[in-house]
Amino acid sequence: MLRLGLLLLVIPSVALMTAYMLEQNQIADCLADSGVWNYAEGQCETSGSFPFVPFMMRYPIAVNGGMLLSVLGLILTIIGLYRPLPAKGSDA
């Protein structure tokens, strides 16, 4: 249970950070090429004025689901840490 908890604790957070940073890299490339980033469409435009839409508003299921999985992983990790270890030489 400890191993599953640690995986659920770490993997969703790393996946969300990776998705966010990849998008930020695209935005930086767009702005460096004198473009304007359209947050609603997720693409670079040559002109226009587009409002900023936070990552959380654009991907609510991914963010909330990832955080829910991380909390579940934290709970499983805590339970796994408090379970007694099997004695050496036992079949358990």
PDB file of N, CA and C in Angstrom:
ATOM      1  N   MET A   1       0.821  -1.187   0.000  1.00  0.00           N
ATOM      2  CA  MET A   1       0.000   0.000   0.000  1.00  0.00           C
ATOM      3  C   MET A   1       0.872   1.261   0.000  1.00  0.00           C
ATOM      4  N   LEU A   2       2.018   1.166   0.614  1.00  0.00           N
ATOM      5  CA  LEU A   2       2.938   2.301   0.666  1.00  0.00           C
ATOM      6  C   LEU A   2       3.409   2.685  -0.735  1.00  0.00           C
ATOM      7  N   ARG A   3       3.764   1.701  -1.525  1.00  0.00           N
ATOM      8  CA  ARG A   3       4.254   1.964  -2.882  1.00  0.00           C
ATOM      9  C   ARG A   3       3.169   2.612  -3.748  1.00  0.00           C
ATOM     10  N   LEU A   4       1.943   2.097  -3.666  1.00  0.00           N
ATOM     11  CA  LEU A   4       0.830   2.679  -4.418  1.00  0.00           C
ATOM     12  C   LEU A   4       0.569   4.110  -3.955  1.00  0.00           C
ATOM     13  N   GLY A   5       0.598   4.323  -2.655  1.00  0.00           N
ATOM     14  CA  GLY A   5       0.381   5.660  -2.118  1.00  0.00           C
ATOM     15  C   GLY A   5       1.420   6.650  -2.609  1.00  0.00           C
ATOM     16  N   LEU A   6       2.683   6.237  -2.610  1.00  0.00           N
ATOM     17  CA  LEU A   6       3.735   7.130  -3.084  1.00  0.00           C
ATOM     18  C   LEU A   6       3.594   7.438  -4.573  1.00  0.00           C
ATOM     19  N   LEU A   7       3.208   6.432  -5.351  1.00  0.00           N
ATOM     20  CA  LEU A   7       2.988   6.663  -6.781  1.00  0.00           C
ATOM     21  C   LEU A   7       1.843   7.649  -7.012  1.00  0.00           C
ATOM     22  N   LEU A   8       0.744   7.461  -6.275  1.00  0.00           N
ATOM     23  CA  LEU A   8      -0.388   8.373  -6.420  1.00  0.00           C
ATOM     24  C   LEU A   8      -0.076   9.762  -5.882  1.00  0.00           C
ATOM     25  N   LEU A   9       0.816   9.853  -4.957  1.00  0.00           N
ATOM     26  CA  LEU A   9       1.204  11.137  -4.406  1.00  0.00           C
ATOM     27  C   LEU A   9       2.064  11.927  -5.391  1.00  0.00           C
ATOM     28  N   VAL A  10       2.949  11.250  -6.091  1.00  0.00           N
ATOM     29  CA  VAL A  10       3.941  11.932  -6.917  1.00  0.00           C
ATOM     30  C   VAL A  10       3.520  12.079  -8.381  1.00  0.00           C
ATOM     31  N   ILE A  11       3.020  11.027  -8.995  1.00  0.00           N
ATOM     32  CA  ILE A  11       2.776  11.032 -10.442  1.00  0.00           C
ATOM     33  C   ILE A  11       1.773  12.099 -10.892  1.00  0.00           C
ATOM     34  N   PRO A  12       0.610  12.270 -10.250  1.00  0.00           N
ATOM     35  CA  PRO A  12      -0.301  13.323 -10.722  1.00  0.00           C
ATOM     36  C   PRO A  12       0.306  14.724 -10.634  1.00  0.00           C
ATOM     37  N   SER A  13       1.055  14.999  -9.587  1.00  0.00           N
ATOM     38  CA  SER A  13       1.678  16.318  -9.441  1.00  0.00           C
ATOM     39  C   SER A  13       2.720  16.557 -10.532  1.00  0.00           C
ATOM     40  N   VAL A  14       3.526  15.555 -10.792  1.00  0.00           N
ATOM     41  CA  VAL A  14       4.545  15.685 -11.843  1.00  0.00           C
ATOM     42  C   VAL A  14       3.881  15.836 -13.211  1.00  0.00           C
ATOM     43  N   ALA A  15       2.807  15.105 -13.460  1.00  0.00           N
ATOM     44  CA  ALA A  15       2.096  15.205 -14.736  1.00  0.00           C
ATOM     45  C   ALA A  15       1.498  16.600 -14.917  1.00  0.00           C
ATOM     46  N   LEU A  16       0.896  17.154 -13.874  1.00  0.00           N
ATOM     47  CA  LEU A  16       0.332  18.497 -13.965  1.00  0.00           C
ATOM     48  C   LEU A  16       1.418  19.546 -14.176  1.00  0.00           C
ATOM     49  N   MET A  17       2.511  19.425 -13.460  1.00  0.00           N
ATOM     50  CA  MET A  17       3.617  20.386 -13.634  1.00  0.00           C
ATOM     51  C   MET A  17       4.201  20.283 -15.043  1.00  0.00           C
ATOM     52  N   THR A  18       4.299  19.069 -15.567  1.00  0.00           N
ATOM     53  CA  THR A  18       4.829  18.882 -16.920  1.00  0.00           C
ATOM     54  C   THR A  18       3.912  19.523 -17.952  1.00  0.00           C
ATOM     55  N   ALA A  19       2.602  19.293 -17.828  1.00  0.00           N
ATOM     56  CA  ALA A  19       1.647  19.883 -18.772  1.00  0.00           C
ATOM     57  C   ALA A  19       1.694  21.402 -18.702  1.00  0.00           C
ATOM     58  N   TYR A  20       1.760  21.938 -17.497  1.00  0.00           N
ATOM     59  CA  TYR A  20       1.811  23.393 -17.318  1.00  0.00           C
ATOM     60  C   TYR A  20       3.080  23.978 -17.921  1.00  0.00           C
ATOM     61  N   MET A  21       4.218  23.352 -17.654  1.00  0.00           N
ATOM     62  CA  MET A  21       5.477  23.887 -18.155  1.00  0.00           C
ATOM     63  C   MET A  21       5.594  23.762 -19.681  1.00  0.00           C
ATOM     64  N   LEU A  22       5.059  22.689 -20.252  1.00  0.00           N
ATOM     65  CA  LEU A  22       5.063  22.570 -21.712  1.00  0.00           C
ATOM     66  C   LEU A  22       4.236  23.685 -22.347  1.00  0.00           C
ATOM     67  N   GLU A  23       3.092  23.985 -21.742  1.00  0.00           N
ATOM     68  CA  GLU A  23       2.258  25.065 -22.269  1.00  0.00           C
ATOM     69  C   GLU A  23       2.962  26.415 -22.101  1.00  0.00           C
ATOM     70  N   GLN A  24       3.618  26.627 -20.957  1.00  0.00           N
ATOM     71  CA  GLN A  24       4.347  27.878 -20.745  1.00  0.00           C
ATOM     72  C   GLN A  24       5.480  28.032 -21.754  1.00  0.00           C
ATOM     73  N   ASN A  25       6.095  26.931 -22.136  1.00  0.00           N
ATOM     74  CA  ASN A  25       7.143  26.968 -23.153  1.00  0.00           C
ATOM     75  C   ASN A  25       6.564  27.389 -24.505  1.00  0.00           C
ATOM     76  N   GLN A  26       5.385  26.874 -24.852  1.00  0.00           N
ATOM     77  CA  GLN A  26       4.726  27.271 -26.096  1.00  0.00           C
ATOM     78  C   GLN A  26       4.367  28.752 -26.072  1.00  0.00           C
ATOM     79  N   ILE A  27       3.890  29.227 -24.928  1.00  0.00           N
ATOM     80  CA  ILE A  27       3.533  30.641 -24.800  1.00  0.00           C
ATOM     81  C   ILE A  27       4.772  31.522 -24.961  1.00  0.00           C
ATOM     82  N   ALA A  28       5.858  31.129 -24.314  1.00  0.00           N
ATOM     83  CA  ALA A  28       7.099  31.911 -24.429  1.00  0.00           C
ATOM     84  C   ALA A  28       7.611  31.939 -25.868  1.00  0.00           C
ATOM     85  N   ASP A  29       7.529  30.823 -26.566  1.00  0.00           N
ATOM     86  CA  ASP A  29       7.945  30.783 -27.967  1.00  0.00           C
ATOM     87  C   ASP A  29       7.069  31.683 -28.824  1.00  0.00           C
ATOM     88  N   CYS A  30       5.763  31.672 -28.549  1.00  0.00           N
ATOM     89  CA  CYS A  30       4.821  32.509 -29.291  1.00  0.00           C
ATOM     90  C   CYS A  30       5.140  33.983 -29.084  1.00  0.00           C
ATOM     91  N   LEU A  31       5.346  34.375 -27.830  1.00  0.00           N
ATOM     92  CA  LEU A  31       5.641  35.777 -27.534  1.00  0.00           C
ATOM     93  C   LEU A  31       6.991  36.200 -28.095  1.00  0.00           C
ATOM     94  N   ALA A  32       7.951  35.284 -28.122  1.00  0.00           N
ATOM     95  CA  ALA A  32       9.269  35.589 -28.695  1.00  0.00           C
ATOM     96  C   ALA A  32       9.180  35.822 -30.205  1.00  0.00           C
ATOM     97  N   ASP A  33       8.213  35.197 -30.845  1.00  0.00           N
ATOM     98  CA  ASP A  33       8.005  35.374 -32.286  1.00  0.00           C
ATOM     99  C   ASP A  33       7.035  36.511 -32.585  1.00  0.00           C
ATOM    100  N   SER A  34       6.805  37.397 -31.606  1.00  0.00           N
ATOM    101  CA  SER A  34       5.918  38.557 -31.737  1.00  0.00           C
ATOM    102  C   SER A  34       4.469  38.157 -31.971  1.00  0.00           C
ATOM    103  N   GLY A  35       4.078  37.035 -31.420  1.00  0.00           N
ATOM    104  CA  GLY A  35       2.690  36.602 -31.521  1.00  0.00           C
ATOM    105  C   GLY A  35       1.923  36.932 -30.259  1.00  0.00           C
ATOM    106  N   VAL A  36       0.652  36.568 -30.290  1.00  0.00           N
ATOM    107  CA  VAL A  36      -0.234  36.761 -29.141  1.00  0.00           C
ATOM    108  C   VAL A  36      -0.843  35.403 -28.821  1.00  0.00           C
ATOM    109  N   TRP A  37      -0.771  34.990 -27.561  1.00  0.00           N
ATOM    110  CA  TRP A  37      -1.278  33.672 -27.175  1.00  0.00           C
ATOM    111  C   TRP A  37      -2.768  33.749 -26.878  1.00  0.00           C
ATOM    112  N   ASN A  38      -3.525  32.898 -27.555  1.00  0.00           N
ATOM    113  CA  ASN A  38      -4.970  32.779 -27.318  1.00  0.00           C
ATOM    114  C   ASN A  38      -5.166  31.641 -26.322  1.00  0.00           C
ATOM    115  N   TYR A  39      -5.423  31.986 -25.066  1.00  0.00           N
ATOM    116  CA  TYR A  39      -5.532  30.982 -24.011  1.00  0.00           C
ATOM    117  C   TYR A  39      -6.747  30.080 -24.206  1.00  0.00           C
ATOM    118  N   ALA A  40      -7.847  30.626 -24.694  1.00  0.00           N
ATOM    119  CA  ALA A  40      -9.061  29.833 -24.870  1.00  0.00           C
ATOM    120  C   ALA A  40      -8.877  28.749 -25.929  1.00  0.00           C
ATOM    121  N   GLU A  41      -8.156  29.079 -26.995  1.00  0.00           N
ATOM    122  CA  GLU A  41      -7.919  28.123 -28.079  1.00  0.00           C
ATOM    123  C   GLU A  41      -6.627  27.340 -27.893  1.00  0.00           C
ATOM    124  N   GLY A  42      -5.716  27.869 -27.091  1.00  0.00           N
ATOM    125  CA  GLY A  42      -4.441  27.208 -26.871  1.00  0.00           C
ATOM    126  C   GLY A  42      -3.529  27.264 -28.074  1.00  0.00           C
ATOM    127  N   GLN A  43      -3.549  28.407 -28.766  1.00  0.00           N
ATOM    128  CA  GLN A  43      -2.699  28.531 -29.936  1.00  0.00           C
ATOM    129  C   GLN A  43      -2.194  29.961 -30.090  1.00  0.00           C
ATOM    130  N   CYS A  44      -1.166  30.099 -30.881  1.00  0.00           N
ATOM    131  CA  CYS A  44      -0.545  31.394 -31.119  1.00  0.00           C
ATOM    132  C   CYS A  44      -1.260  32.092 -32.270  1.00  0.00           C
ATOM    133  N   GLU A  45      -1.594  33.350 -32.067  1.00  0.00           N
ATOM    134  CA  GLU A  45      -2.249  34.159 -33.099  1.00  0.00           C
ATOM    135  C   GLU A  45      -1.286  35.270 -33.514  1.00  0.00           C
ATOM    136  N   THR A  46      -1.457  35.757 -34.725  1.00  0.00           N
ATOM    137  CA  THR A  46      -0.580  36.821 -35.212  1.00  0.00           C
ATOM    138  C   THR A  46      -0.999  38.183 -34.688  1.00  0.00           C
ATOM    139  N   SER A  47      -2.274  38.360 -34.396  1.00  0.00           N
ATOM    140  CA  SER A  47      -2.737  39.646 -33.877  1.00  0.00           C
ATOM    141  C   SER A  47      -3.996  39.427 -33.054  1.00  0.00           C
ATOM    142  N   GLY A  48      -4.367  40.465 -32.332  1.00  0.00           N
ATOM    143  CA  GLY A  48      -5.568  40.394 -31.511  1.00  0.00           C
ATOM    144  C   GLY A  48      -5.242  40.636 -30.057  1.00  0.00           C
ATOM    145  N   SER A  49      -6.286  40.634 -29.260  1.00  0.00           N
ATOM    146  CA  SER A  49      -6.137  40.811 -27.826  1.00  0.00           C
ATOM    147  C   SER A  49      -7.007  39.762 -27.153  1.00  0.00           C
ATOM    148  N   PHE A  50      -6.379  38.884 -26.394  1.00  0.00           N
ATOM    149  CA  PHE A  50      -7.087  37.773 -25.774  1.00  0.00           C
ATOM    150  C   PHE A  50      -6.903  37.828 -24.267  1.00  0.00           C
ATOM    151  N   PRO A  51      -7.966  37.578 -23.511  1.00  0.00           N
ATOM    152  CA  PRO A  51      -7.838  37.620 -22.055  1.00  0.00           C
ATOM    153  C   PRO A  51      -7.063  36.408 -21.532  1.00  0.00           C
ATOM    154  N   PHE A  52      -6.430  36.621 -20.388  1.00  0.00           N
ATOM    155  CA  PHE A  52      -5.732  35.529 -19.728  1.00  0.00           C
ATOM    156  C   PHE A  52      -6.753  34.611 -19.070  1.00  0.00           C
ATOM    157  N   VAL A  53      -6.626  33.322 -19.326  1.00  0.00           N
ATOM    158  CA  VAL A  53      -7.484  32.317 -18.701  1.00  0.00           C
ATOM    159  C   VAL A  53      -6.562  31.356 -17.959  1.00  0.00           C
ATOM    160  N   PRO A  54      -6.678  31.276 -16.625  1.00  0.00           N
ATOM    161  CA  PRO A  54      -5.753  30.422 -15.858  1.00  0.00           C
ATOM    162  C   PRO A  54      -5.839  28.953 -16.262  1.00  0.00           C
ATOM    163  N   PHE A  55      -4.740  28.251 -16.036  1.00  0.00           N
ATOM    164  CA  PHE A  55      -4.652  26.821 -16.342  1.00  0.00           C
ATOM    165  C   PHE A  55      -5.773  26.049 -15.650  1.00  0.00           C
ATOM    166  N   MET A  56      -6.060  26.405 -14.415  1.00  0.00           N
ATOM    167  CA  MET A  56      -7.116  25.739 -13.636  1.00  0.00           C
ATOM    168  C   MET A  56      -8.484  25.892 -14.299  1.00  0.00           C
ATOM    169  N   MET A  57      -8.743  27.031 -14.897  1.00  0.00           N
ATOM    170  CA  MET A  57     -10.034  27.270 -15.553  1.00  0.00           C
ATOM    171  C   MET A  57     -10.137  26.521 -16.884  1.00  0.00           C
ATOM    172  N   ARG A  58      -9.004  26.319 -17.533  1.00  0.00           N
ATOM    173  CA  ARG A  58      -9.021  25.628 -18.823  1.00  0.00           C
ATOM    174  C   ARG A  58      -9.036  24.113 -18.688  1.00  0.00           C
ATOM    175  N   TYR A  59      -8.437  23.597 -17.617  1.00  0.00           N
ATOM    176  CA  TYR A  59      -8.362  22.145 -17.417  1.00  0.00           C
ATOM    177  C   TYR A  59      -8.809  21.780 -15.998  1.00  0.00           C
ATOM    178  N   PRO A  60     -10.063  22.057 -15.650  1.00  0.00           N
ATOM    179  CA  PRO A  60     -10.492  21.829 -14.264  1.00  0.00           C
ATOM    180  C   PRO A  60     -10.514  20.355 -13.859  1.00  0.00           C
ATOM    181  N   ILE A  61     -10.879  19.477 -14.765  1.00  0.00           N
ATOM    182  CA  ILE A  61     -10.944  18.053 -14.422  1.00  0.00           C
ATOM    183  C   ILE A  61      -9.542  17.498 -14.196  1.00  0.00           C
ATOM    184  N   ALA A  62      -8.599  17.900 -15.034  1.00  0.00           N
ATOM    185  CA  ALA A  62      -7.220  17.426 -14.870  1.00  0.00           C
ATOM    186  C   ALA A  62      -6.622  17.931 -13.561  1.00  0.00           C
ATOM    187  N   VAL A  63      -6.814  19.207 -13.251  1.00  0.00           N
ATOM    188  CA  VAL A  63      -6.226  19.777 -12.041  1.00  0.00           C
ATOM    189  C   VAL A  63      -6.903  19.212 -10.798  1.00  0.00           C
ATOM    190  N   ASN A  64      -8.223  19.242 -10.763  1.00  0.00           N
ATOM    191  CA  ASN A  64      -8.926  18.730  -9.581  1.00  0.00           C
ATOM    192  C   ASN A  64      -8.743  17.225  -9.420  1.00  0.00           C
ATOM    193  N   GLY A  65      -8.784  16.497 -10.525  1.00  0.00           N
ATOM    194  CA  GLY A  65      -8.575  15.049 -10.455  1.00  0.00           C
ATOM    195  C   GLY A  65      -7.168  14.700 -10.015  1.00  0.00           C
ATOM    196  N   GLY A  66      -6.184  15.438 -10.521  1.00  0.00           N
ATOM    197  CA  GLY A  66      -4.801  15.196 -10.119  1.00  0.00           C
ATOM    198  C   GLY A  66      -4.577  15.485  -8.647  1.00  0.00           C
ATOM    199  N   MET A  67      -5.167  16.559  -8.160  1.00  0.00           N
ATOM    200  CA  MET A  67      -5.018  16.880  -6.735  1.00  0.00           C
ATOM    201  C   MET A  67      -5.760  15.874  -5.857  1.00  0.00           C
ATOM    202  N   LEU A  68      -6.903  15.399  -6.328  1.00  0.00           N
ATOM    203  CA  LEU A  68      -7.642  14.380  -5.588  1.00  0.00           C
ATOM    204  C   LEU A  68      -6.832  13.086  -5.503  1.00  0.00           C
ATOM    205  N   LEU A  69      -6.207  12.690  -6.605  1.00  0.00           N
ATOM    206  CA  LEU A  69      -5.362  11.497  -6.593  1.00  0.00           C
ATOM    207  C   LEU A  69      -4.156  11.680  -5.677  1.00  0.00           C
ATOM    208  N   SER A  70      -3.599  12.887  -5.644  1.00  0.00           N
ATOM    209  CA  SER A  70      -2.468  13.142  -4.754  1.00  0.00           C
ATOM    210  C   SER A  70      -2.871  13.047  -3.288  1.00  0.00           C
ATOM    211  N   VAL A  71      -4.052  13.555  -2.952  1.00  0.00           N
ATOM    212  CA  VAL A  71      -4.529  13.460  -1.571  1.00  0.00           C
ATOM    213  C   VAL A  71      -4.794  11.999  -1.206  1.00  0.00           C
ATOM    214  N   LEU A  72      -5.379  11.247  -2.139  1.00  0.00           N
ATOM    215  CA  LEU A  72      -5.589   9.826  -1.908  1.00  0.00           C
ATOM    216  C   LEU A  72      -4.251   9.120  -1.706  1.00  0.00           C
ATOM    217  N   GLY A  73      -3.255   9.491  -2.504  1.00  0.00           N
ATOM    218  CA  GLY A  73      -1.918   8.924  -2.343  1.00  0.00           C
ATOM    219  C   GLY A  73      -1.314   9.268  -1.000  1.00  0.00           C
ATOM    220  N   LEU A  74      -1.545  10.493  -0.534  1.00  0.00           N
ATOM    221  CA  LEU A  74      -1.042  10.885   0.781  1.00  0.00           C
ATOM    222  C   LEU A  74      -1.679  10.047   1.887  1.00  0.00           C
ATOM    223  N   ILE A  75      -2.970   9.832   1.783  1.00  0.00           N
ATOM    224  CA  ILE A  75      -3.674   9.021   2.784  1.00  0.00           C
ATOM    225  C   ILE A  75      -3.163   7.585   2.757  1.00  0.00           C
ATOM    226  N   LEU A  76      -3.019   7.003   1.569  1.00  0.00           N
ATOM    227  CA  LEU A  76      -2.512   5.638   1.463  1.00  0.00           C
ATOM    228  C   LEU A  76      -1.073   5.532   1.973  1.00  0.00           C
ATOM    229  N   THR A  77      -0.270   6.561   1.729  1.00  0.00           N
ATOM    230  CA  THR A  77       1.103   6.564   2.219  1.00  0.00           C
ATOM    231  C   THR A  77       1.134   6.591   3.738  1.00  0.00           C
ATOM    232  N   ILE A  78       0.308   7.431   4.330  1.00  0.00           N
ATOM    233  CA  ILE A  78       0.255   7.502   5.795  1.00  0.00           C
ATOM    234  C   ILE A  78      -0.195   6.169   6.378  1.00  0.00           C
ATOM    235  N   ILE A  79      -1.220   5.565   5.775  1.00  0.00           N
ATOM    236  CA  ILE A  79      -1.683   4.252   6.253  1.00  0.00           C
ATOM    237  C   ILE A  79      -0.573   3.221   6.099  1.00  0.00           C
ATOM    238  N   GLY A  80       0.114   3.243   4.958  1.00  0.00           N
ATOM    239  CA  GLY A  80       1.205   2.298   4.723  1.00  0.00           C
ATOM    240  C   GLY A  80       2.363   2.464   5.692  1.00  0.00           C
ATOM    241  N   LEU A  81       2.623   3.701   6.107  1.00  0.00           N
ATOM    242  CA  LEU A  81       3.712   3.933   7.053  1.00  0.00           C
ATOM    243  C   LEU A  81       3.358   3.482   8.469  1.00  0.00           C
ATOM    244  N   TYR A  82       2.099   3.495   8.810  1.00  0.00           N
ATOM    245  CA  TYR A  82       1.699   3.113  10.163  1.00  0.00           C
ATOM    246  C   TYR A  82       1.368   1.635  10.310  1.00  0.00           C
ATOM    247  N   ARG A  83       1.322   0.909   9.213  1.00  0.00           N
ATOM    248  CA  ARG A  83       1.095  -0.535   9.312  1.00  0.00           C
ATOM    249  C   ARG A  83       2.365  -1.191   9.823  1.00  0.00           C
ATOM    250  N   PRO A  84       2.229  -2.159  10.717  1.00  0.00           N
ATOM    251  CA  PRO A  84       3.433  -2.831  11.213  1.00  0.00           C
ATOM    252  C   PRO A  84       4.068  -3.679  10.111  1.00  0.00           C
ATOM    253  N   LEU A  85       5.390  -3.711  10.118  1.00  0.00           N
ATOM    254  CA  LEU A  85       6.118  -4.525   9.162  1.00  0.00           C
ATOM    255  C   LEU A  85       6.006  -5.987   9.547  1.00  0.00           C
ATOM    256  N   PRO A  86       5.933  -6.897   8.549  1.00  0.00           N
ATOM    257  CA  PRO A  86       5.910  -8.308   8.890  1.00  0.00           C
ATOM    258  C   PRO A  86       7.246  -8.737   9.504  1.00  0.00           C
ATOM    259  N   ALA A  87       7.167  -9.683  10.432  1.00  0.00           N
ATOM    260  CA  ALA A  87       8.370 -10.180  11.098  1.00  0.00           C
ATOM    261  C   ALA A  87       9.241 -10.928  10.102  1.00  0.00           C
ATOM    262  N   LYS A  88      10.559 -10.882  10.313  1.00  0.00           N
ATOM    263  CA  LYS A  88      11.465 -11.602   9.412  1.00  0.00           C
ATOM    264  C   LYS A  88      11.258 -13.093   9.578  1.00  0.00           C
ATOM    265  N   GLY A  89      11.227 -13.762   8.430  1.00  0.00           N
ATOM    266  CA  GLY A  89      11.075 -15.207   8.452  1.00  0.00           C
ATOM    267  C   GLY A  89       9.622 -15.668   8.450  1.00  0.00           C
ATOM    268  N   SER A  90       8.675 -14.721   8.498  1.00  0.00           N
ATOM    269  CA  SER A  90       7.262 -15.141   8.460  1.00  0.00           C
ATOM    270  C   SER A  90       6.816 -15.194   6.994  1.00  0.00           C
ATOM    271  N   ASP A  91       5.704 -15.867   6.760  1.00  0.00           N
ATOM    272  CA  ASP A  91       5.198 -16.027   5.400  1.00  0.00           C
ATOM    273  C   ASP A  91       4.407 -14.823   4.938  1.00  0.00           C
ATOM    274  N   ALA A  92       4.083 -13.905   5.784  1.00  0.00           N
ATOM    275  CA  ALA A  92       3.235 -12.770   5.434  1.00  0.00           C
ATOM    276  C   ALA A  92       3.939 -11.783   4.580  1.00  0.00           C
TER     277      ALA A  92
END
